[in-house]
């Protein structure tokens, strides 16, 4: 491979790596300066505490990264957006270098494949978030069925939620959220508002529908047990639908693995058997255009397949 090609392939990786190191050092230096200011200042203990709380509040409002980290933390996902960005930079470099090594591609195709590789990190995280939301949806529906059972034997909503939290298995995220709902109800906040706050944190549609049902009950009055029984029937049907959707989505994922895997295996096999097979074709404008169109069609096909699988009933 010509030296110019190697330098060209390594250039995006070098630039992104230097940028990431600069951002990391800048953040570390800013944090050290703030800590040093707090330690060496002549402020009183109360003023230092206020400054520390202000610093913490500013960190929480640090922009897009802090917002995304907060959302993932709410869902119980331990990954940080900074780590995802670092992985995307690495994959961008790997995609660029791989495209030059395997296809001997030109600049446009090299950058295009690098971008696709880098975006795969965020696509994977989005898939993980959707999976987590589906798990929490099923768990929420099951816990609301248990709540309806406790209400039917004479307990109020606060006590019913307490029984749900202390009996059986429950995920840390659902335990935290239902405990927050129970505390708000205990402090005489409307149940519909407490569950709507839970929806705002988790962004799960079934929680919002549940909160709206309780809001109607609170406005019009009636028997809470009757309302909860209706929700129990709804939850049962939703669980059955969700399980059916999961089976269908898994079958679609299996098909996608074959659709994507077969071309990749063929390409890698051809490269291993005859490294010079592709020659310089993909360095020409025609070769780059054809490759970009074919890869785009494949990506769009996978996206449409995923969208079709996520049927909302």
Protein backbone atom coordinates (compact mmCIF):
# COMPACT_ATOMS: atom_id res chain seq x y z
CA UNK A 1 0.00 0.00 0.00
CA UNK A 2 1.47 3.46 -0.91
CA UNK A 3 2.74 5.60 1.95
CA UNK A 4 0.34 8.41 1.01
CA UNK A 5 -2.61 6.05 1.50
CA UNK A 6 -1.36 5.04 4.92
CA UNK A 7 -0.87 8.66 6.00
CA UNK A 8 -4.34 9.52 4.68
CA UNK A 9 -5.93 6.65 6.57
CA UNK A 10 -4.18 7.51 9.83
CA UNK A 11 -4.91 11.23 9.61
CA UNK A 12 -8.56 11.09 10.88
CA UNK A 13 -7.51 8.86 13.77
CA UNK A 14 -4.64 11.20 14.72
CA UNK A 15 -6.82 14.33 14.60
CA UNK A 16 -9.66 12.75 16.61
CA UNK A 17 -7.26 11.29 19.17
CA UNK A 18 -5.53 14.64 19.72
CA UNK A 19 -8.91 16.38 20.04
CA UNK A 20 -10.13 13.83 22.61
CA UNK A 21 -6.94 14.17 24.66
CA UNK A 22 -7.19 17.96 24.58
CA UNK A 23 -10.83 17.90 25.76
CA UNK A 24 -9.99 15.45 28.55
CA UNK A 25 -7.03 17.50 29.80
CA UNK A 26 -9.09 20.68 29.65
CA UNK A 27 -11.89 19.16 31.76
CA UNK A 28 -9.40 17.79 34.30
CA UNK A 29 -7.64 21.15 34.59
CA UNK A 30 -10.93 23.01 35.10
CA UNK A 31 -12.04 20.62 37.82
CA UNK A 32 -8.66 20.87 39.63
CA UNK A 33 -8.78 24.66 39.52
CA UNK A 34 -12.26 24.71 41.05
CA UNK A 35 -11.25 22.29 43.81
CA UNK A 36 -8.11 24.34 44.52
CA UNK A 37 -10.16 27.52 44.73
CA UNK A 38 -12.52 25.94 47.24
CA UNK A 39 -9.68 24.63 49.41
CA UNK A 40 -7.54 27.78 49.44
CA UNK A 41 -10.21 30.44 49.70
CA UNK A 42 -11.02 32.25 52.92
CA UNK A 43 -14.71 31.47 52.69
CA UNK A 44 -16.62 30.24 55.69
CA UNK A 45 -17.76 26.63 55.92
CA UNK A 46 -21.29 27.62 54.87
CA UNK A 47 -20.00 29.59 51.88
CA UNK A 48 -17.79 26.68 50.83
CA UNK A 49 -20.76 24.33 51.06
CA UNK A 50 -22.86 26.68 48.93
CA UNK A 51 -20.02 26.97 46.40
CA UNK A 52 -19.64 23.20 46.32
CA UNK A 53 -23.37 22.76 45.71
CA UNK A 54 -23.24 25.41 43.00
CA UNK A 55 -20.30 23.62 41.35
CA UNK A 56 -22.20 20.34 41.48
CA UNK A 57 -25.30 22.00 40.01
CA UNK A 58 -23.26 23.50 37.18
CA UNK A 59 -21.79 20.11 36.41
CA UNK A 60 -25.29 18.66 36.19
CA UNK A 61 -26.16 21.36 33.66
CA UNK A 62 -22.97 20.92 31.66
CA UNK A 63 -24.87 20.47 28.41
CA UNK A 64 -25.60 17.60 26.06
CA UNK A 65 -23.19 15.10 27.61
CA UNK A 66 -24.52 15.61 31.13
CA UNK A 67 -28.11 15.35 29.89
CA UNK A 68 -27.49 12.11 28.05
CA UNK A 69 -25.58 10.65 31.00
CA UNK A 70 -28.49 11.55 33.28
CA UNK A 71 -30.99 9.83 30.97
CA UNK A 72 -28.92 6.66 30.80
CA UNK A 73 -28.42 6.71 34.56
CA UNK A 74 -32.19 6.96 35.11
CA UNK A 75 -32.65 3.82 33.03
CA UNK A 76 -29.93 2.03 34.99
CA UNK A 77 -27.36 2.08 32.17
CA UNK A 78 -23.84 2.45 33.53
CA UNK A 79 -22.16 3.57 30.30
CA UNK A 80 -21.14 7.22 29.97
CA UNK A 81 -21.56 9.32 26.82
CA UNK A 82 -17.88 10.31 26.99
CA UNK A 83 -16.93 6.63 26.72
CA UNK A 84 -19.28 6.18 23.76
CA UNK A 85 -17.73 9.14 21.97
CA UNK A 86 -14.25 7.73 22.57
CA UNK A 87 -15.37 4.37 21.15
CA UNK A 88 -16.93 6.09 18.14
CA UNK A 89 -13.67 7.92 17.44
CA UNK A 90 -11.76 4.63 17.62
CA UNK A 91 -14.26 2.88 15.33
CA UNK A 92 -14.09 5.78 12.89
CA UNK A 93 -10.34 5.28 12.62
CA UNK A 94 -10.73 1.49 12.31
CA UNK A 95 -13.34 1.95 9.57
CA UNK A 96 -11.09 4.31 7.63
CA UNK A 97 -8.02 2.09 7.94
CA UNK A 98 -10.01 -1.07 7.17
CA UNK A 99 -11.56 0.45 4.05
CA UNK A 100 -8.12 1.36 2.73
CA UNK A 101 -6.58 -2.01 3.59
CA UNK A 102 -9.41 -4.15 2.21
CA UNK A 103 -10.94 -2.08 -0.59
CA UNK A 104 -8.07 0.34 -1.27
CA UNK A 105 -10.84 2.91 -1.23
CA UNK A 106 -10.66 6.57 -2.09
CA UNK A 107 -11.16 9.46 0.31
CA UNK A 108 -14.98 9.70 0.03
CA UNK A 109 -15.65 5.99 0.57
CA UNK A 110 -13.07 5.86 3.36
CA UNK A 111 -14.76 8.70 5.31
CA UNK A 112 -18.23 7.26 4.59
CA UNK A 113 -17.32 3.85 6.02
CA UNK A 114 -15.60 5.51 8.97
CA UNK A 115 -18.73 7.50 9.78
CA UNK A 116 -20.91 4.38 9.57
CA UNK A 117 -18.58 2.54 11.94
CA UNK A 118 -18.58 5.43 14.42
CA UNK A 119 -22.38 5.74 14.34
CA UNK A 120 -22.76 2.03 15.11
CA UNK A 121 -21.83 2.80 18.75
CA UNK A 122 -24.80 5.14 19.16
CA UNK A 123 -27.11 2.80 17.26
CA UNK A 124 -26.10 0.04 19.66
CA UNK A 125 -26.71 2.29 22.68
CA UNK A 126 -30.12 3.30 21.33
CA UNK A 127 -30.96 -0.38 20.93
CA UNK A 128 -29.88 -1.01 24.52
CA UNK A 129 -32.05 1.88 25.74
CA UNK A 130 -35.07 0.51 23.86
CA UNK A 131 -34.45 -2.94 25.30
CA UNK A 132 -34.21 -1.49 28.80
CA UNK A 133 -37.43 0.47 28.31
CA UNK A 134 -39.24 -2.67 27.13
CA UNK A 135 -38.05 -4.55 30.22
CA UNK A 136 -39.18 -1.71 32.49
CA UNK A 137 -42.54 -1.53 30.71
CA UNK A 138 -43.24 -5.20 31.35
CA UNK A 139 -42.08 -4.88 34.94
CA UNK A 140 -44.26 -1.80 35.51
CA UNK A 141 -47.33 -3.55 34.15
CA UNK A 142 -46.68 -6.58 36.35
CA UNK A 143 -46.18 -4.40 39.45
CA UNK A 144 -49.42 -2.55 38.74
CA UNK A 145 -51.22 -5.89 38.55
CA UNK A 146 -49.80 -6.73 41.97
CA UNK A 147 -50.89 -3.30 43.23
CA UNK A 148 -54.45 -3.97 42.08
CA UNK A 149 -54.39 -7.28 43.97
CA UNK A 150 -53.36 -5.57 47.23
CA UNK A 151 -56.02 -2.87 46.73
CA UNK A 152 -58.71 -5.53 46.32
CA UNK A 153 -57.97 -6.91 49.81
CA UNK A 154 -58.50 -3.52 51.48
CA UNK A 155 -55.14 -1.71 51.40
CA UNK A 156 -54.80 1.87 50.26
CA UNK A 157 -52.55 2.84 47.36
CA UNK A 158 -49.61 3.85 49.58
CA UNK A 159 -49.64 0.54 51.47
CA UNK A 160 -50.21 -1.43 48.27
CA UNK A 161 -47.09 0.10 46.70
CA UNK A 162 -45.15 -0.64 49.88
CA UNK A 163 -46.15 -4.31 49.65
CA UNK A 164 -45.11 -4.39 46.00
CA UNK A 165 -41.70 -2.95 46.92
CA UNK A 166 -41.06 -5.35 49.80
CA UNK A 167 -42.31 -8.61 48.29
CA UNK A 168 -41.01 -10.46 45.24
CA UNK A 169 -38.18 -9.41 42.98
CA UNK A 170 -37.83 -5.92 41.56
CA UNK A 171 -35.14 -4.18 39.52
CA UNK A 172 -33.19 -1.29 41.10
CA UNK A 173 -34.66 1.21 38.63
CA UNK A 174 -38.28 0.18 39.25
CA UNK A 175 -37.70 0.03 43.00
CA UNK A 176 -36.32 3.58 42.97
CA UNK A 177 -39.16 4.94 40.84
CA UNK A 178 -42.02 3.26 42.73
CA UNK A 179 -40.48 4.36 46.03
CA UNK A 180 -40.44 7.94 44.72
CA UNK A 181 -44.12 7.59 43.73
CA UNK A 182 -45.00 6.19 47.14
CA UNK A 183 -43.20 9.02 48.93
CA UNK A 184 -45.03 11.63 46.86
CA UNK A 185 -48.39 9.99 47.60
CA UNK A 186 -47.48 9.81 51.30
CA UNK A 187 -46.86 13.59 51.19
CA UNK A 188 -50.44 14.02 49.90
CA UNK A 189 -49.62 14.59 46.25
CA UNK A 190 -52.15 13.30 43.74
CA UNK A 191 -51.38 9.77 42.58
CA UNK A 192 -51.80 10.83 38.95
CA UNK A 193 -49.17 13.56 39.37
CA UNK A 194 -46.78 11.14 41.10
CA UNK A 195 -47.06 8.62 38.25
CA UNK A 196 -46.79 11.42 35.67
CA UNK A 197 -43.51 12.46 37.31
CA UNK A 198 -42.38 8.85 36.95
CA UNK A 199 -43.28 9.03 33.25
CA UNK A 200 -41.26 12.25 32.85
CA UNK A 201 -38.19 10.47 34.21
CA UNK A 202 -38.52 7.19 32.29
CA UNK A 203 -40.45 8.30 29.17
CA UNK A 204 -42.46 5.05 29.04
CA UNK A 205 -45.83 5.45 27.35
CA UNK A 206 -47.69 2.91 29.51
CA UNK A 207 -46.85 4.91 32.63
CA UNK A 208 -48.35 8.05 31.08
CA UNK A 209 -51.54 6.18 30.17
CA UNK A 210 -51.72 4.85 33.72
CA UNK A 211 -51.30 8.37 35.13
CA UNK A 212 -54.04 9.71 32.84
CA UNK A 213 -56.41 6.98 33.98
CA UNK A 214 -55.81 7.96 37.61
CA UNK A 215 -56.29 11.64 36.72
CA UNK A 216 -59.73 10.88 35.29
CA UNK A 217 -60.60 8.94 38.45
CA UNK A 218 -59.46 11.83 40.66
CA UNK A 219 -61.53 14.36 38.70
CA UNK A 220 -64.74 12.34 38.35
CA UNK A 221 -64.55 10.22 41.52
CA UNK A 222 -65.52 6.57 41.77
CA UNK A 223 -64.16 3.35 43.18
CA UNK A 224 -60.36 3.12 42.95
CA UNK A 225 -60.50 -0.68 43.13
CA UNK A 226 -62.74 -0.76 40.04
CA UNK A 227 -60.34 1.53 38.20
CA UNK A 228 -57.37 -0.62 39.19
CA UNK A 229 -59.12 -3.79 38.08
CA UNK A 230 -59.71 -2.21 34.67
CA UNK A 231 -56.01 -1.34 34.57
CA UNK A 232 -55.23 -4.91 35.62
CA UNK A 233 -57.08 -6.26 32.58
CA UNK A 234 -55.33 -3.72 30.38
CA UNK A 235 -51.95 -4.70 31.83
CA UNK A 236 -52.62 -8.38 31.17
CA UNK A 237 -53.42 -7.73 27.52
CA UNK A 238 -50.42 -5.42 27.13
CA UNK A 239 -48.07 -8.05 28.58
CA UNK A 240 -49.36 -10.61 26.08
CA UNK A 241 -48.90 -8.14 23.23
CA UNK A 242 -45.40 -7.20 24.39
CA UNK A 243 -44.38 -10.85 24.57
CA UNK A 244 -45.66 -11.42 21.03
CA UNK A 245 -43.76 -8.37 19.82
CA UNK A 246 -40.57 -9.61 21.42
CA UNK A 247 -40.84 -12.94 19.62
CA UNK A 248 -41.38 -11.18 16.28
CA UNK A 249 -38.53 -8.72 16.84
CA UNK A 250 -36.13 -11.54 17.75
CA UNK A 251 -37.01 -13.34 14.51
CA UNK A 252 -36.35 -10.12 12.59
CA UNK A 253 -32.99 -9.71 14.33
CA UNK A 254 -32.04 -13.26 13.31
CA UNK A 255 -32.86 -12.49 9.68
CA UNK A 256 -30.83 -9.28 9.86
CA UNK A 257 -27.78 -11.17 11.10
CA UNK A 258 -27.89 -13.35 7.98
CA UNK A 259 -28.52 -10.37 5.67
CA UNK A 260 -25.56 -8.43 7.06
CA UNK A 261 -23.31 -11.36 7.92
CA UNK A 262 -23.29 -13.13 4.54
CA UNK A 263 -21.92 -10.15 2.54
CA UNK A 264 -19.33 -9.43 5.24
CA UNK A 265 -18.16 -13.05 5.29
CA UNK A 266 -17.89 -13.07 1.50
CA UNK A 267 -15.89 -9.82 1.46
CA UNK A 268 -13.51 -10.97 4.19
CA UNK A 269 -13.14 -14.37 2.52
CA UNK A 270 -12.29 -12.82 -0.83
CA UNK A 271 -9.79 -10.50 0.83
CA UNK A 272 -8.07 -13.38 2.67
CA UNK A 273 -7.91 -15.58 -0.43
CA UNK A 274 -6.83 -12.85 -2.85
CA UNK A 275 -5.89 -9.51 -1.21
CA UNK A 276 -5.48 -7.82 -4.59
CA UNK A 277 -8.93 -8.91 -5.83
CA UNK A 278 -10.55 -5.47 -5.55
CA UNK A 279 -7.55 -3.73 -7.09
CA UNK A 280 -7.99 0.05 -7.30
CA UNK A 281 -11.62 -0.06 -8.41
CA UNK A 282 -13.02 1.47 -5.21
CA UNK A 283 -10.54 4.34 -5.43
CA UNK A 284 -12.24 5.53 -8.64
CA UNK A 285 -15.31 7.83 -8.55
CA UNK A 286 -17.44 5.08 -10.15
CA UNK A 287 -16.37 2.44 -7.65
CA UNK A 288 -16.90 4.79 -4.70
CA UNK A 289 -20.36 5.76 -5.93
CA UNK A 290 -21.47 2.15 -6.44
CA UNK A 291 -20.11 1.09 -3.04
CA UNK A 292 -21.82 3.99 -1.24
CA UNK A 293 -25.15 3.26 -2.95
CA UNK A 294 -25.00 -0.47 -2.13
CA UNK A 295 -24.02 0.10 1.51
CA UNK A 296 -26.70 2.77 1.89
CA UNK A 297 -29.37 0.44 0.54
CA UNK A 298 -28.23 -2.27 2.98
CA UNK A 299 -28.34 0.15 5.94
CA UNK A 300 -31.76 1.48 4.94
CA UNK A 301 -33.04 -2.08 4.61
CA UNK A 302 -31.92 -2.89 8.14
CA UNK A 303 -33.47 0.34 9.44
CA UNK A 304 -36.80 -0.34 7.73
CA UNK A 305 -36.76 -3.90 9.05
CA UNK A 306 -36.28 -2.60 12.60
CA UNK A 307 -39.02 -0.03 12.14
CA UNK A 308 -41.44 -2.65 10.83
CA UNK A 309 -40.69 -4.92 13.77
CA UNK A 310 -41.55 -2.23 16.31
CA UNK A 311 -45.31 -2.45 15.87
CA UNK A 312 -47.32 -0.34 18.26
CA UNK A 313 -50.72 -1.82 19.11
